């Protein structure tokens, strides 16, 4: 299962707000079978069993920011491609929380 975090920063817009661009990016991937994603304050975590699909999702999201009117897009992409066991990004968070001393 491949997990990625994508941060998209539209540049060359007339506003400091990015919400319309991110909403457009999320709308562009809404119907991809097997895709899991979660928006967070600093980016979007996306997950799919096929790494090539994940790359396509990233491309779609970036292109959608241009389609929404940005002249330039700065993207930060982090990918964790683990193949020795099946897991989700929620499993990763759960594993850390189980090891915390509370």
Protein backbone atom coordinates (compact mmCIF):
# COMPACT_ATOMS: atom_id res chain seq x y z
CA UNK A 1 0.00 0.00 0.00
CA UNK A 2 1.37 3.38 -0.99
CA UNK A 3 0.66 6.41 1.14
CA UNK A 4 1.53 9.96 0.11
CA UNK A 5 1.11 13.41 1.51
CA UNK A 6 0.68 16.17 -1.03
CA UNK A 7 0.86 19.88 -0.33
CA UNK A 8 -0.14 22.17 -3.18
CA UNK A 9 0.68 25.87 -3.06
CA UNK A 10 -0.82 27.97 -5.86
CA UNK A 11 1.39 30.90 -6.84
CA UNK A 12 0.49 33.81 -9.08
CA UNK A 13 -3.02 34.29 -7.79
CA UNK A 14 -4.76 37.44 -6.61
CA UNK A 15 -5.39 36.09 -3.12
CA UNK A 16 -3.56 34.56 -0.19
CA UNK A 17 -6.37 32.02 0.27
CA UNK A 18 -5.80 28.54 -1.14
CA UNK A 19 -9.10 26.87 -0.19
CA UNK A 20 -10.75 27.20 -3.61
CA UNK A 21 -7.74 25.59 -5.28
CA UNK A 22 -7.59 22.71 -2.80
CA UNK A 23 -11.34 22.15 -3.08
CA UNK A 24 -10.91 21.92 -6.86
CA UNK A 25 -8.02 19.47 -6.42
CA UNK A 26 -10.11 17.24 -4.16
CA UNK A 27 -13.04 17.38 -6.58
CA UNK A 28 -10.72 16.17 -9.34
CA UNK A 29 -10.05 12.87 -7.54
CA UNK A 30 -13.44 12.17 -6.01
CA UNK A 31 -14.37 9.17 -8.13
CA UNK A 32 -11.15 7.15 -8.25
CA UNK A 33 -11.90 3.60 -7.16
CA UNK A 34 -9.88 2.35 -4.19
CA UNK A 35 -8.51 5.78 -3.31
CA UNK A 36 -8.53 6.91 0.30
CA UNK A 37 -7.72 10.49 1.18
CA UNK A 38 -7.88 12.82 4.14
CA UNK A 39 -7.47 16.57 4.10
CA UNK A 40 -5.40 18.05 6.93
CA UNK A 41 -4.42 21.67 7.64
CA UNK A 42 -1.11 21.36 5.78
CA UNK A 43 -1.92 19.03 2.89
CA UNK A 44 -3.78 15.92 1.81
CA UNK A 45 -2.86 12.34 2.67
CA UNK A 46 -3.73 9.95 -0.15
CA UNK A 47 -3.51 6.18 -0.32
CA UNK A 48 -3.98 3.48 -2.95
CA UNK A 49 -2.80 -0.09 -3.43
CA UNK A 50 -1.35 0.77 -6.87
CA UNK A 51 1.53 3.25 -6.88
CA UNK A 52 0.88 4.21 -10.51
CA UNK A 53 -2.66 5.26 -9.56
CA UNK A 54 -1.22 7.35 -6.73
CA UNK A 55 1.07 9.15 -9.19
CA UNK A 56 -1.92 9.80 -11.44
CA UNK A 57 -3.86 11.22 -8.49
CA UNK A 58 -0.97 13.58 -7.71
CA UNK A 59 -0.84 14.69 -11.36
CA UNK A 60 -4.60 15.29 -11.46
CA UNK A 61 -4.55 17.32 -8.27
CA UNK A 62 -1.67 19.49 -9.46
CA UNK A 63 -3.25 20.06 -12.88
CA UNK A 64 -6.55 21.02 -11.25
CA UNK A 65 -4.84 23.92 -9.48
CA UNK A 66 -3.74 25.28 -12.86
CA UNK A 67 -7.26 24.74 -14.19
CA UNK A 68 -8.58 26.81 -11.27
CA UNK A 69 -6.47 29.75 -12.41
CA UNK A 70 -3.06 29.49 -10.74
CA UNK A 71 -0.08 30.50 -12.88
CA UNK A 72 2.37 28.38 -10.91
CA UNK A 73 2.08 25.49 -8.44
CA UNK A 74 4.63 24.61 -5.80
CA UNK A 75 4.13 20.99 -4.69
CA UNK A 76 5.60 19.01 -1.82
CA UNK A 77 5.22 15.25 -2.18
CA UNK A 78 6.14 12.61 0.40
CA UNK A 79 5.59 8.93 -0.44
CA UNK A 80 5.77 5.85 1.79
CA UNK A 81 5.54 2.71 -0.37
CA UNK A 82 5.52 -0.29 1.96
CA UNK A 83 5.14 -3.72 0.38
CA UNK A 84 5.86 -6.16 3.21
CA UNK A 85 2.40 -5.79 4.74
CA UNK A 86 -0.96 -4.22 4.03
CA UNK A 87 -1.72 -1.08 6.07
CA UNK A 88 -3.46 2.25 5.86
CA UNK A 89 -2.40 5.71 6.93
CA UNK A 90 -4.80 5.39 9.84
CA UNK A 91 -2.93 2.21 10.87
CA UNK A 92 0.30 4.23 10.95
CA UNK A 93 -1.22 6.77 13.32
CA UNK A 94 -2.76 4.04 15.47
CA UNK A 95 0.61 2.28 15.79
CA UNK A 96 2.27 5.44 17.11
CA UNK A 97 -0.57 6.20 19.52
CA UNK A 98 -0.42 2.67 20.94
CA UNK A 99 3.24 3.20 21.81
CA UNK A 100 2.72 6.52 23.58
CA UNK A 101 3.05 6.76 27.34
CA UNK A 102 -0.24 8.22 28.51
